[in-house]
Structures are given as structure tokens and as C-alpha cells.
Amino acid sequence: VCLAVEKKDNLMSGVKNNVGRGINVALVNDVAPFIEFLKAIQDGTIVLMGTYDDGATKLNDEARQLIAELGSTSITHLGFRDNWVFCGGKGIKTKSPFEQVLGNQVFEITVALF
């Protein structure tokens, strides 16, 4: 496993001894390096993405467009705290069938005082 936002700076790798069995997570809070990462993906590369809690707030229009070019149809309307999983690819000619969004549920609670 190796996750890099910039080619020279691996966030996660076996060499850094910060990955292992199970689920490995990297948090990227600055959209600029993320955009550069998306632009550098080579044609034919399979891309897996997922969010938890809030993956949408810091995405600007450019980042959303780059992800849409990987085959996503949901990224343009992904909202605050929506959960999203996606499998697409650089150079895909159609939209990916491997995408799902679980929208954030907002419930209104009314308390009656007697």
C-alpha cells in the first residue's frame, strides 16, 4: 500500500511503517495538492475513492470536475457529511457503474413540553 498526494511525498507506505492489514486512511485537508494528484493520474489507471463524515466541503469545482472525468456522476452534488464510494478510471469513456452515495440524513426532533 502506498498513498501519495505528491509524487515526492508519500503519506502512507510500508517504508514509513504506517500502513498494515485492515483499513488504511489518509486525510487530505488541502485541495490544491489533491487537484495536482488527480491531474497526474495516468490514462488506464483504476481509481478507488471513498468518504466518511465529510469529504465534500473542501472540494472546489475543479476537483469535482476532475473526479467526474474519472467516471463519477455523484461528485457534482456530493454534500456535507454524505458517504460516498466510487471506482472509476482515468480515460474512461462512460460513466462508472460502481458508485454509491448514502446521503446525510437530517432529522428534525420536536420536544413537547407539558
PDB file of N, CA and C in Angstrom:
ATOM      1  N   VAL A   1       0.849  -1.181   0.000  1.00  0.00           N
ATOM      2  CA  VAL A   1       0.000   0.000   0.000  1.00  0.00           C
ATOM      3  C   VAL A   1       0.884   1.230   0.000  1.00  0.00           C
ATOM      4  N   CYS A   2       0.563   2.165  -0.861  1.00  0.00           N
ATOM      5  CA  CYS A   2       1.292   3.432  -0.894  1.00  0.00           C
ATOM      6  C   CYS A   2       0.322   4.506  -1.342  1.00  0.00           C
ATOM      7  N   LEU A   3       0.160   5.547  -0.570  1.00  0.00           N
ATOM      8  CA  LEU A   3      -0.715   6.645  -0.930  1.00  0.00           C
ATOM      9  C   LEU A   3       0.102   7.915  -0.955  1.00  0.00           C
ATOM     10  N   ALA A   4       0.072   8.606  -2.086  1.00  0.00           N
ATOM     11  CA  ALA A   4       0.838   9.838  -2.227  1.00  0.00           C
ATOM     12  C   ALA A   4      -0.054  10.927  -2.784  1.00  0.00           C
ATOM     13  N   VAL A   5       0.063  12.118  -2.255  1.00  0.00           N
ATOM     14  CA  VAL A   5      -0.636  13.271  -2.814  1.00  0.00           C
ATOM     15  C   VAL A   5       0.292  13.953  -3.799  1.00  0.00           C
ATOM     16  N   GLU A   6       1.543  13.987  -3.495  1.00  0.00           N
ATOM     17  CA  GLU A   6       2.560  14.470  -4.415  1.00  0.00           C
ATOM     18  C   GLU A   6       3.548  13.333  -4.603  1.00  0.00           C
ATOM     19  N   LYS A   7       4.093  13.198  -5.800  1.00  0.00           N
ATOM     20  CA  LYS A   7       4.973  12.067  -6.097  1.00  0.00           C
ATOM     21  C   LYS A   7       6.117  11.945  -5.104  1.00  0.00           C
ATOM     22  N   LYS A   8       6.637  13.056  -4.634  1.00  0.00           N
ATOM     23  CA  LYS A   8       7.801  13.011  -3.757  1.00  0.00           C
ATOM     24  C   LYS A   8       7.450  12.773  -2.289  1.00  0.00           C
ATOM     25  N   ASP A   9       6.188  12.971  -1.921  1.00  0.00           N
ATOM     26  CA  ASP A   9       5.793  12.876  -0.521  1.00  0.00           C
ATOM     27  C   ASP A   9       4.729  11.807  -0.321  1.00  0.00           C
ATOM     28  N   ASN A  10       5.141  10.624   0.062  1.00  0.00           N
ATOM     29  CA  ASN A  10       4.183   9.576   0.374  1.00  0.00           C
ATOM     30  C   ASN A  10       3.556   9.839   1.731  1.00  0.00           C
ATOM     31  N   LEU A  11       2.231   9.819   1.782  1.00  0.00           N
ATOM     32  CA  LEU A  11       1.544   9.945   3.062  1.00  0.00           C
ATOM     33  C   LEU A  11       1.586   8.633   3.817  1.00  0.00           C
ATOM     34  N   MET A  12       1.422   7.552   3.057  1.00  0.00           N
ATOM     35  CA  MET A  12       1.361   6.235   3.672  1.00  0.00           C
ATOM     36  C   MET A  12       2.194   5.273   2.850  1.00  0.00           C
ATOM     37  N   SER A  13       2.999   4.474   3.522  1.00  0.00           N
ATOM     38  CA  SER A  13       3.784   3.466   2.811  1.00  0.00           C
ATOM     39  C   SER A  13       4.356   2.469   3.808  1.00  0.00           C
ATOM     40  N   GLY A  14       4.743   1.321   3.275  1.00  0.00           N
ATOM     41  CA  GLY A  14       5.393   0.328   4.116  1.00  0.00           C
ATOM     42  C   GLY A  14       6.711   0.818   4.660  1.00  0.00           C
ATOM     43  N   VAL A  15       7.399   1.660   3.894  1.00  0.00           N
ATOM     44  CA  VAL A  15       8.686   2.209   4.330  1.00  0.00           C
ATOM     45  C   VAL A  15       8.503   3.089   5.562  1.00  0.00           C
ATOM     46  N   LYS A  16       7.432   3.864   5.604  1.00  0.00           N
ATOM     47  CA  LYS A  16       7.163   4.725   6.764  1.00  0.00           C
ATOM     48  C   LYS A  16       6.577   3.939   7.931  1.00  0.00           C
ATOM     49  N   ASN A  17       6.268   2.661   7.689  1.00  0.00           N
ATOM     50  CA  ASN A  17       5.714   1.795   8.719  1.00  0.00           C
ATOM     51  C   ASN A  17       4.419   2.362   9.312  1.00  0.00           C
ATOM     52  N   ASN A  18       3.594   2.953   8.437  1.00  0.00           N
ATOM     53  CA  ASN A  18       2.330   3.492   8.922  1.00  0.00           C
ATOM     54  C   ASN A  18       1.126   2.909   8.174  1.00  0.00           C
ATOM     55  N   VAL A  19       1.309   1.738   7.576  1.00  0.00           N
ATOM     56  CA  VAL A  19       0.199   1.021   6.952  1.00  0.00           C
ATOM     57  C   VAL A  19       0.267  -0.440   7.356  1.00  0.00           C
ATOM     58  N   GLY A  20      -0.841  -1.104   7.224  1.00  0.00           N
ATOM     59  CA  GLY A  20      -0.859  -2.515   7.566  1.00  0.00           C
ATOM     60  C   GLY A  20      -2.170  -3.145   7.162  1.00  0.00           C
ATOM     61  N   ARG A  21      -2.431  -4.319   7.710  1.00  0.00           N
ATOM     62  CA  ARG A  21      -3.669  -5.014   7.412  1.00  0.00           C
ATOM     63  C   ARG A  21      -4.869  -4.192   7.855  1.00  0.00           C
ATOM     64  N   GLY A  22      -5.993  -4.429   7.202  1.00  0.00           N
ATOM     65  CA  GLY A  22      -7.214  -3.729   7.593  1.00  0.00           C
ATOM     66  C   GLY A  22      -7.433  -2.491   6.745  1.00  0.00           C
ATOM     67  N   ILE A  23      -8.027  -1.502   7.334  1.00  0.00           N
ATOM     68  CA  ILE A  23      -8.357  -0.268   6.618  1.00  0.00           C
ATOM     69  C   ILE A  23      -7.293   0.773   6.921  1.00  0.00           C
ATOM     70  N   ASN A  24      -6.719   1.312   5.865  1.00  0.00           N
ATOM     71  CA  ASN A  24      -5.721   2.367   5.994  1.00  0.00           C
ATOM     72  C   ASN A  24      -6.340   3.659   5.472  1.00  0.00           C
ATOM     73  N   VAL A  25      -6.162   4.743   6.209  1.00  0.00           N
ATOM     74  CA  VAL A  25      -6.817   6.004   5.883  1.00  0.00           C
ATOM     75  C   VAL A  25      -5.793   7.129   5.845  1.00  0.00           C
ATOM     76  N   ALA A  26      -5.927   7.996   4.854  1.00  0.00           N
ATOM     77  CA  ALA A  26      -5.136   9.227   4.795  1.00  0.00           C
ATOM     78  C   ALA A  26      -6.103  10.387   4.691  1.00  0.00           C
ATOM     79  N   LEU A  27      -5.891  11.408   5.472  1.00  0.00           N
ATOM     80  CA  LEU A  27      -6.734  12.593   5.431  1.00  0.00           C
ATOM     81  C   LEU A  27      -6.001  13.690   4.671  1.00  0.00           C
ATOM     82  N   VAL A  28      -6.678  14.261   3.694  1.00  0.00           N
ATOM     83  CA  VAL A  28      -6.091  15.326   2.895  1.00  0.00           C
ATOM     84  C   VAL A  28      -6.967  16.559   3.069  1.00  0.00           C
ATOM     85  N   ASN A  29      -6.446  17.578   3.716  1.00  0.00           N
ATOM     86  CA  ASN A  29      -7.239  18.763   4.024  1.00  0.00           C
ATOM     87  C   ASN A  29      -7.001  19.936   3.091  1.00  0.00           C
ATOM     88  N   ASP A  30      -5.981  19.866   2.271  1.00  0.00           N
ATOM     89  CA  ASP A  30      -5.681  20.957   1.336  1.00  0.00           C
ATOM     90  C   ASP A  30      -6.034  20.486  -0.063  1.00  0.00           C
ATOM     91  N   VAL A  31      -6.950  21.169  -0.719  1.00  0.00           N
ATOM     92  CA  VAL A  31      -7.439  20.714  -2.017  1.00  0.00           C
ATOM     93  C   VAL A  31      -6.413  20.905  -3.137  1.00  0.00           C
ATOM     94  N   ALA A  32      -5.494  21.856  -3.011  1.00  0.00           N
ATOM     95  CA  ALA A  32      -4.529  22.114  -4.095  1.00  0.00           C
ATOM     96  C   ALA A  32      -3.646  20.900  -4.405  1.00  0.00           C
ATOM     97  N   PRO A  33      -3.007  20.258  -3.426  1.00  0.00           N
ATOM     98  CA  PRO A  33      -2.225  19.068  -3.750  1.00  0.00           C
ATOM     99  C   PRO A  33      -3.100  17.918  -4.249  1.00  0.00           C
ATOM    100  N   PHE A  34      -4.338  17.850  -3.775  1.00  0.00           N
ATOM    101  CA  PHE A  34      -5.261  16.815  -4.228  1.00  0.00           C
ATOM    102  C   PHE A  34      -5.577  16.999  -5.715  1.00  0.00           C
ATOM    103  N   ILE A  35      -5.773  18.240  -6.132  1.00  0.00           N
ATOM    104  CA  ILE A  35      -6.027  18.531  -7.546  1.00  0.00           C
ATOM    105  C   ILE A  35      -4.826  18.129  -8.389  1.00  0.00           C
ATOM    106  N   GLU A  36      -3.632  18.453  -7.942  1.00  0.00           N
ATOM    107  CA  GLU A  36      -2.421  18.069  -8.683  1.00  0.00           C
ATOM    108  C   GLU A  36      -2.298  16.547  -8.762  1.00  0.00           C
ATOM    109  N   PHE A  37      -2.643  15.872  -7.675  1.00  0.00           N
ATOM    110  CA  PHE A  37      -2.641  14.407  -7.661  1.00  0.00           C
ATOM    111  C   PHE A  37      -3.608  13.856  -8.710  1.00  0.00           C
ATOM    112  N   LEU A  38      -4.821  14.415  -8.770  1.00  0.00           N
ATOM    113  CA  LEU A  38      -5.815  13.967  -9.748  1.00  0.00           C
ATOM    114  C   LEU A  38      -5.346  14.205 -11.182  1.00  0.00           C
ATOM    115  N   LYS A  39      -4.710  15.327 -11.417  1.00  0.00           N
ATOM    116  CA  LYS A  39      -4.222  15.659 -12.760  1.00  0.00           C
ATOM    117  C   LYS A  39      -3.105  14.718 -13.203  1.00  0.00           C
ATOM    118  N   ALA A  40      -2.338  14.218 -12.262  1.00  0.00           N
ATOM    119  CA  ALA A  40      -1.165  13.391 -12.584  1.00  0.00           C
ATOM    120  C   ALA A  40      -1.509  11.916 -12.805  1.00  0.00           C
ATOM    121  N   ILE A  41      -2.745  11.525 -12.568  1.00  0.00           N
ATOM    122  CA  ILE A  41      -3.137  10.128 -12.764  1.00  0.00           C
ATOM    123  C   ILE A  41      -3.013   9.785 -14.244  1.00  0.00           C
ATOM    124  N   GLN A  42      -2.368   8.678 -14.546  1.00  0.00           N
ATOM    125  CA  GLN A  42      -2.144   8.266 -15.934  1.00  0.00           C
ATOM    126  C   GLN A  42      -3.360   7.550 -16.502  1.00  0.00           C
ATOM    127  N   ASP A  43      -3.567   7.700 -17.821  1.00  0.00           N
ATOM    128  CA  ASP A  43      -4.653   7.002 -18.503  1.00  0.00           C
ATOM    129  C   ASP A  43      -4.565   5.502 -18.241  1.00  0.00           C
ATOM    130  N   GLY A  44      -5.721   4.887 -18.041  1.00  0.00           N
ATOM    131  CA  GLY A  44      -5.777   3.453 -17.794  1.00  0.00           C
ATOM    132  C   GLY A  44      -5.682   3.073 -16.331  1.00  0.00           C
ATOM    133  N   THR A  45      -5.466   4.057 -15.455  1.00  0.00           N
ATOM    134  CA  THR A  45      -5.344   3.793 -14.022  1.00  0.00           C
ATOM    135  C   THR A  45      -6.724   3.656 -13.390  1.00  0.00           C
ATOM    136  N   ILE A  46      -6.926   2.593 -12.617  1.00  0.00           N
ATOM    137  CA  ILE A  46      -8.168   2.415 -11.864  1.00  0.00           C
ATOM    138  C   ILE A  46      -8.063   3.245 -10.591  1.00  0.00           C
ATOM    139  N   VAL A  47      -9.125   3.974 -10.281  1.00  0.00           N
ATOM    140  CA  VAL A  47      -9.130   4.880  -9.135  1.00  0.00           C
ATOM    141  C   VAL A  47     -10.266   4.483  -8.196  1.00  0.00           C
ATOM    142  N   LEU A  48      -9.929   4.268  -6.928  1.00  0.00           N
ATOM    143  CA  LEU A  48     -10.915   3.971  -5.884  1.00  0.00           C
ATOM    144  C   LEU A  48     -10.954   5.136  -4.914  1.00  0.00           C
ATOM    145  N   MET A  49     -12.144   5.622  -4.589  1.00  0.00           N
ATOM    146  CA  MET A  49     -12.286   6.722  -3.639  1.00  0.00           C
ATOM    147  C   MET A  49     -13.441   6.437  -2.703  1.00  0.00           C
ATOM    148  N   GLY A  50     -13.377   7.000  -1.534  1.00  0.00           N
ATOM    149  CA  GLY A  50     -14.475   6.892  -0.588  1.00  0.00           C
ATOM    150  C   GLY A  50     -14.388   7.998   0.438  1.00  0.00           C
ATOM    151  N   THR A  51     -15.517   8.365   0.986  1.00  0.00           N
ATOM    152  CA  THR A  51     -15.541   9.391   2.021  1.00  0.00           C
ATOM    153  C   THR A  51     -16.214   8.843   3.268  1.00  0.00           C
ATOM    154  N   TYR A  52     -15.943   9.504   4.342  1.00  0.00           N
ATOM    155  CA  TYR A  52     -16.636   9.239   5.589  1.00  0.00           C
ATOM    156  C   TYR A  52     -16.668  10.551   6.359  1.00  0.00           C
ATOM    157  N   ASP A  53     -17.776  10.884   6.911  1.00  0.00           N
ATOM    158  CA  ASP A  53     -18.029  12.109   7.654  1.00  0.00           C
ATOM    159  C   ASP A  53     -18.160  13.277   6.697  1.00  0.00           C
ATOM    160  N   ASP A  54     -17.085  13.859   6.214  1.00  0.00           N
ATOM    161  CA  ASP A  54     -17.237  14.992   5.306  1.00  0.00           C
ATOM    162  C   ASP A  54     -16.119  15.033   4.287  1.00  0.00           C
ATOM    163  N   GLY A  55     -16.404  14.587   3.105  1.00  0.00           N
ATOM    164  CA  GLY A  55     -15.439  14.643   2.019  1.00  0.00           C
ATOM    165  C   GLY A  55     -15.777  15.696   0.993  1.00  0.00           C
ATOM    166  N   ALA A  56     -16.847  16.458   1.200  1.00  0.00           N
ATOM    167  CA  ALA A  56     -17.326  17.368   0.166  1.00  0.00           C
ATOM    168  C   ALA A  56     -17.033  18.839   0.420  1.00  0.00           C
ATOM    169  N   THR A  57     -16.940  19.243   1.655  1.00  0.00           N
ATOM    170  CA  THR A  57     -16.863  20.665   1.983  1.00  0.00           C
ATOM    171  C   THR A  57     -15.699  21.375   1.307  1.00  0.00           C
ATOM    172  N   LYS A  58     -14.536  20.759   1.285  1.00  0.00           N
ATOM    173  CA  LYS A  58     -13.345  21.428   0.742  1.00  0.00           C
ATOM    174  C   LYS A  58     -13.133  21.186  -0.744  1.00  0.00           C
ATOM    175  N   LEU A  59     -14.005  20.400  -1.382  1.00  0.00           N
ATOM    176  CA  LEU A  59     -13.865  20.167  -2.817  1.00  0.00           C
ATOM    177  C   LEU A  59     -14.373  21.381  -3.583  1.00  0.00           C
ATOM    178  N   ASN A  60     -13.522  21.942  -4.416  1.00  0.00           N
ATOM    179  CA  ASN A  60     -13.964  23.048  -5.255  1.00  0.00           C
ATOM    180  C   ASN A  60     -14.439  22.504  -6.603  1.00  0.00           C
ATOM    181  N   ASP A  61     -14.886  23.395  -7.485  1.00  0.00           N
ATOM    182  CA  ASP A  61     -15.423  22.969  -8.780  1.00  0.00           C
ATOM    183  C   ASP A  61     -14.391  22.226  -9.618  1.00  0.00           C
ATOM    184  N   GLU A  62     -13.124  22.655  -9.560  1.00  0.00           N
ATOM    185  CA  GLU A  62     -12.080  21.996 -10.353  1.00  0.00           C
ATOM    186  C   GLU A  62     -11.867  20.557  -9.886  1.00  0.00           C
ATOM    187  N   ALA A  63     -11.804  20.346  -8.580  1.00  0.00           N
ATOM    188  CA  ALA A  63     -11.622  18.994  -8.045  1.00  0.00           C
ATOM    189  C   ALA A  63     -12.810  18.110  -8.406  1.00  0.00           C
ATOM    190  N   ARG A  64     -14.003  18.643  -8.282  1.00  0.00           N
ATOM    191  CA  ARG A  64     -15.203  17.879  -8.632  1.00  0.00           C
ATOM    192  C   ARG A  64     -15.209  17.510 -10.112  1.00  0.00           C
ATOM    193  N   GLN A  65     -14.797  18.433 -10.972  1.00  0.00           N
ATOM    194  CA  GLN A  65     -14.757  18.158 -12.410  1.00  0.00           C
ATOM    195  C   GLN A  65     -13.731  17.063 -12.737  1.00  0.00           C
ATOM    196  N   LEU A  66     -12.574  17.115 -12.094  1.00  0.00           N
ATOM    197  CA  LEU A  66     -11.554  16.090 -12.325  1.00  0.00           C
ATOM    198  C   LEU A  66     -12.040  14.711 -11.883  1.00  0.00           C
ATOM    199  N   ILE A  67     -12.763  14.653 -10.784  1.00  0.00           N
ATOM    200  CA  ILE A  67     -13.309  13.378 -10.327  1.00  0.00           C
ATOM    201  C   ILE A  67     -14.420  12.916 -11.267  1.00  0.00           C
ATOM    202  N   ALA A  68     -15.225  13.843 -11.761  1.00  0.00           N
ATOM    203  CA  ALA A  68     -16.265  13.493 -12.733  1.00  0.00           C
ATOM    204  C   ALA A  68     -15.646  12.910 -14.005  1.00  0.00           C
ATOM    205  N   GLU A  69     -14.482  13.410 -14.394  1.00  0.00           N
ATOM    206  CA  GLU A  69     -13.793  12.898 -15.576  1.00  0.00           C
ATOM    207  C   GLU A  69     -13.284  11.468 -15.372  1.00  0.00           C
ATOM    208  N   LEU A  70     -13.224  11.031 -14.120  1.00  0.00           N
ATOM    209  CA  LEU A  70     -12.850   9.646 -13.816  1.00  0.00           C
ATOM    210  C   LEU A  70     -14.060   8.716 -13.899  1.00  0.00           C
ATOM    211  N   GLY A  71     -15.242   9.296 -14.141  1.00  0.00           N
ATOM    212  CA  GLY A  71     -16.453   8.491 -14.306  1.00  0.00           C
ATOM    213  C   GLY A  71     -17.527   8.716 -13.267  1.00  0.00           C
ATOM    214  N   SER A  72     -17.294   9.598 -12.304  1.00  0.00           N
ATOM    215  CA  SER A  72     -18.282   9.827 -11.251  1.00  0.00           C
ATOM    216  C   SER A  72     -19.456  10.667 -11.755  1.00  0.00           C
ATOM    217  N   THR A  73     -20.657  10.256 -11.378  1.00  0.00           N
ATOM    218  CA  THR A  73     -21.842  11.059 -11.661  1.00  0.00           C
ATOM    219  C   THR A  73     -22.376  11.731 -10.399  1.00  0.00           C
ATOM    220  N   SER A  74     -21.912  11.304  -9.239  1.00  0.00           N
ATOM    221  CA  SER A  74     -22.427  11.816  -7.975  1.00  0.00           C
ATOM    222  C   SER A  74     -21.582  12.922  -7.363  1.00  0.00           C
ATOM    223  N   ILE A  75     -20.358  13.057  -7.803  1.00  0.00           N
ATOM    224  CA  ILE A  75     -19.435  14.004  -7.153  1.00  0.00           C
ATOM    225  C   ILE A  75     -19.906  15.448  -7.273  1.00  0.00           C
ATOM    226  N   THR A  76     -20.623  15.771  -8.337  1.00  0.00           N
ATOM    227  CA  THR A  76     -21.048  17.165  -8.530  1.00  0.00           C
ATOM    228  C   THR A  76     -22.075  17.602  -7.496  1.00  0.00           C
ATOM    229  N   HIS A  77     -22.834  16.662  -6.945  1.00  0.00           N
ATOM    230  CA  HIS A  77     -23.832  17.026  -5.934  1.00  0.00           C
ATOM    231  C   HIS A  77     -23.572  16.377  -4.574  1.00  0.00           C
ATOM    232  N   LEU A  78     -22.352  15.884  -4.363  1.00  0.00           N
ATOM    233  CA  LEU A  78     -21.996  15.321  -3.062  1.00  0.00           C
ATOM    234  C   LEU A  78     -22.053  16.424  -2.016  1.00  0.00           C
ATOM    235  N   GLY A  79     -22.760  16.171  -0.926  1.00  0.00           N
ATOM    236  CA  GLY A  79     -22.973  17.206   0.080  1.00  0.00           C
ATOM    237  C   GLY A  79     -22.270  16.933   1.397  1.00  0.00           C
ATOM    238  N   PHE A  80     -22.451  17.861   2.304  1.00  0.00           N
ATOM    239  CA  PHE A  80     -21.859  17.807   3.637  1.00  0.00           C
ATOM    240  C   PHE A  80     -22.230  16.505   4.328  1.00  0.00           C
ATOM    241  N   ARG A  81     -21.228  15.786   4.765  1.00  0.00           N
ATOM    242  CA  ARG A  81     -21.344  14.533   5.502  1.00  0.00           C
ATOM    243  C   ARG A  81     -22.019  13.400   4.741  1.00  0.00           C
ATOM    244  N   ASP A  82     -22.111  13.502   3.413  1.00  0.00           N
ATOM    245  CA  ASP A  82     -22.575  12.369   2.623  1.00  0.00           C
ATOM    246  C   ASP A  82     -21.470  11.325   2.577  1.00  0.00           C
ATOM    247  N   ASN A  83     -21.842  10.054   2.644  1.00  0.00           N
ATOM    248  CA  ASN A  83     -20.885   8.964   2.482  1.00  0.00           C
ATOM    249  C   ASN A  83     -20.913   8.539   1.024  1.00  0.00           C
ATOM    250  N   TRP A  84     -19.734   8.335   0.445  1.00  0.00           N
ATOM    251  CA  TRP A  84     -19.630   8.083  -0.989  1.00  0.00           C
ATOM    252  C   TRP A  84     -18.514   7.093  -1.258  1.00  0.00           C
ATOM    253  N   VAL A  85     -18.775   6.119  -2.116  1.00  0.00           N
ATOM    254  CA  VAL A  85     -17.750   5.196  -2.598  1.00  0.00           C
ATOM    255  C   VAL A  85     -17.793   5.195  -4.115  1.00  0.00           C
ATOM    256  N   PHE A  86     -16.618   5.026  -4.721  1.00  0.00           N
ATOM    257  CA  PHE A  86     -16.516   5.180  -6.168  1.00  0.00           C
ATOM    258  C   PHE A  86     -15.338   4.372  -6.701  1.00  0.00           C
ATOM    259  N   CYS A  87     -15.551   3.747  -7.827  1.00  0.00           N
ATOM    260  CA  CYS A  87     -14.485   3.096  -8.568  1.00  0.00           C
ATOM    261  C   CYS A  87     -14.618   3.562 -10.014  1.00  0.00           C
ATOM    262  N   GLY A  88     -13.588   4.208 -10.511  1.00  0.00           N
ATOM    263  CA  GLY A  88     -13.586   4.705 -11.886  1.00  0.00           C
ATOM    264  C   GLY A  88     -12.214   4.542 -12.487  1.00  0.00           C
ATOM    265  N   GLY A  89     -11.943   5.322 -13.501  1.00  0.00           N
ATOM    266  CA  GLY A  89     -10.636   5.212 -14.131  1.00  0.00           C
ATOM    267  C   GLY A  89     -10.301   6.403 -14.992  1.00  0.00           C
ATOM    268  N   LYS A  90      -9.031   6.684 -15.084  1.00  0.00           N
ATOM    269  CA  LYS A  90      -8.568   7.786 -15.927  1.00  0.00           C
ATOM    270  C   LYS A  90      -8.713   7.371 -17.388  1.00  0.00           C
ATOM    271  N   GLY A  91      -9.366   8.204 -18.164  1.00  0.00           N
ATOM    272  CA  GLY A  91      -9.573   7.932 -19.573  1.00  0.00           C
ATOM    273  C   GLY A  91     -10.842   7.154 -19.864  1.00  0.00           C
ATOM    274  N   ILE A  92     -11.677   6.956 -18.848  1.00  0.00           N
ATOM    275  CA  ILE A  92     -12.928   6.223 -19.043  1.00  0.00           C
ATOM    276  C   ILE A  92     -13.816   7.005 -20.015  1.00  0.00           C
ATOM    277  N   LYS A  93     -14.472   6.297 -20.904  1.00  0.00           N
ATOM    278  CA  LYS A  93     -15.304   6.946 -21.922  1.00  0.00           C
ATOM    279  C   LYS A  93     -16.770   7.038 -21.508  1.00  0.00           C
ATOM    280  N   THR A  94     -17.151   6.297 -20.479  1.00  0.00           N
ATOM    281  CA  THR A  94     -18.528   6.317 -19.996  1.00  0.00           C
ATOM    282  C   THR A  94     -18.527   6.611 -18.511  1.00  0.00           C
ATOM    283  N   LYS A  95     -19.687   6.703 -17.941  1.00  0.00           N
ATOM    284  CA  LYS A  95     -19.797   6.885 -16.503  1.00  0.00           C
ATOM    285  C   LYS A  95     -19.643   5.546 -15.805  1.00  0.00           C
ATOM    286  N   SER A  96     -19.016   5.550 -14.648  1.00  0.00           N
ATOM    287  CA  SER A  96     -18.782   4.318 -13.902  1.00  0.00           C
ATOM    288  C   SER A  96     -20.079   3.782 -13.296  1.00  0.00           C
ATOM    289  N   PRO A  97     -20.318   2.475 -13.389  1.00  0.00           N
ATOM    290  CA  PRO A  97     -21.469   1.893 -12.711  1.00  0.00           C
ATOM    291  C   PRO A  97     -21.173   1.564 -11.242  1.00  0.00           C
ATOM    292  N   PHE A  98     -19.937   1.801 -10.819  1.00  0.00           N
ATOM    293  CA  PHE A  98     -19.510   1.428  -9.470  1.00  0.00           C
ATOM    294  C   PHE A  98     -19.413   2.666  -8.585  1.00  0.00           C
ATOM    295  N   GLU A  99     -20.562   3.167  -8.181  1.00  0.00           N
ATOM    296  CA  GLU A  99     -20.608   4.368  -7.358  1.00  0.00           C
ATOM    297  C   GLU A  99     -21.879   4.344  -6.530  1.00  0.00           C
ATOM    298  N   GLN A 100     -21.760   4.767  -5.279  1.00  0.00           N
ATOM    299  CA  GLN A 100     -22.940   4.837  -4.428  1.00  0.00           C
ATOM    300  C   GLN A 100     -22.775   5.966  -3.416  1.00  0.00           C
ATOM    301  N   VAL A 101     -23.872   6.655  -3.152  1.00  0.00           N
ATOM    302  CA  VAL A 101     -23.908   7.735  -2.166  1.00  0.00           C
ATOM    303  C   VAL A 101     -24.966   7.406  -1.136  1.00  0.00           C
ATOM    304  N   LEU A 102     -24.595   7.557   0.111  1.00  0.00           N
ATOM    305  CA  LEU A 102     -25.552   7.477   1.204  1.00  0.00           C
ATOM    306  C   LEU A 102     -25.636   8.883   1.769  1.00  0.00           C
ATOM    307  N   GLY A 103     -26.706   9.577   1.435  1.00  0.00           N
ATOM    308  CA  GLY A 103     -26.844  10.977   1.825  1.00  0.00           C
ATOM    309  C   GLY A 103     -26.958  11.164   3.318  1.00  0.00           C
ATOM    310  N   ASN A 104     -26.466  12.296   3.765  1.00  0.00           N
ATOM    311  CA  ASN A 104     -26.563  12.667   5.164  1.00  0.00           C
ATOM    312  C   ASN A 104     -28.037  12.859   5.505  1.00  0.00           C
ATOM    313  N   GLN A 105     -28.483  12.196   6.533  1.00  0.00           N
ATOM    314  CA  GLN A 105     -29.874  12.294   6.960  1.00  0.00           C
ATOM    315  C   GLN A 105     -29.993  13.358   8.042  1.00  0.00           C
ATOM    316  N   VAL A 106     -30.841  14.326   7.813  1.00  0.00           N
ATOM    317  CA  VAL A 106     -31.097  15.360   8.812  1.00  0.00           C
ATOM    318  C   VAL A 106     -32.510  15.126   9.342  1.00  0.00           C
ATOM    319  N   PHE A 107     -32.598  14.928  10.634  1.00  0.00           N
ATOM    320  CA  PHE A 107     -33.899  14.682  11.254  1.00  0.00           C
ATOM    321  C   PHE A 107     -34.240  15.862  12.144  1.00  0.00           C
ATOM    322  N   GLU A 108     -35.503  16.247  12.094  1.00  0.00           N
ATOM    323  CA  GLU A 108     -35.987  17.294  12.984  1.00  0.00           C
ATOM    324  C   GLU A 108     -36.640  16.631  14.182  1.00  0.00           C
ATOM    325  N   ILE A 109     -36.204  17.014  15.330  1.00  0.00           N
ATOM    326  CA  ILE A 109     -36.746  16.436  16.561  1.00  0.00           C
ATOM    327  C   ILE A 109     -37.573  17.513  17.257  1.00  0.00           C
ATOM    328  N   THR A 110     -38.824  17.169  17.545  1.00  0.00           N
ATOM    329  CA  THR A 110     -39.700  18.092  18.241  1.00  0.00           C
ATOM    330  C   THR A 110     -39.929  17.554  19.633  1.00  0.00           C
ATOM    331  N   VAL A 111     -39.714  18.408  20.604  1.00  0.00           N
ATOM    332  CA  VAL A 111     -39.929  18.009  22.002  1.00  0.00           C
ATOM    333  C   VAL A 111     -41.153  18.754  22.509  1.00  0.00           C
ATOM    334  N   ALA A 112     -42.108  17.992  22.976  1.00  0.00           N
ATOM    335  CA  ALA A 112     -43.329  18.605  23.525  1.00  0.00           C
ATOM    336  C   ALA A 112     -43.158  18.775  25.033  1.00  0.00           C
ATOM    337  N   LEU A 113     -43.345  19.973  25.496  1.00  0.00           N
ATOM    338  CA  LEU A 113     -43.274  20.249  26.937  1.00  0.00           C
ATOM    339  C   LEU A 113     -44.698  20.354  27.478  1.00  0.00           C
ATOM    340  N   PHE A 114     -44.957  19.639  28.557  1.00  0.00           N
ATOM    341  CA  PHE A 114     -46.316  19.635  29.132  1.00  0.00           C
ATOM    342  C   PHE A 114     -46.395  20.607  30.262  1.00  0.00           C
TER     343      PHE A 114
END
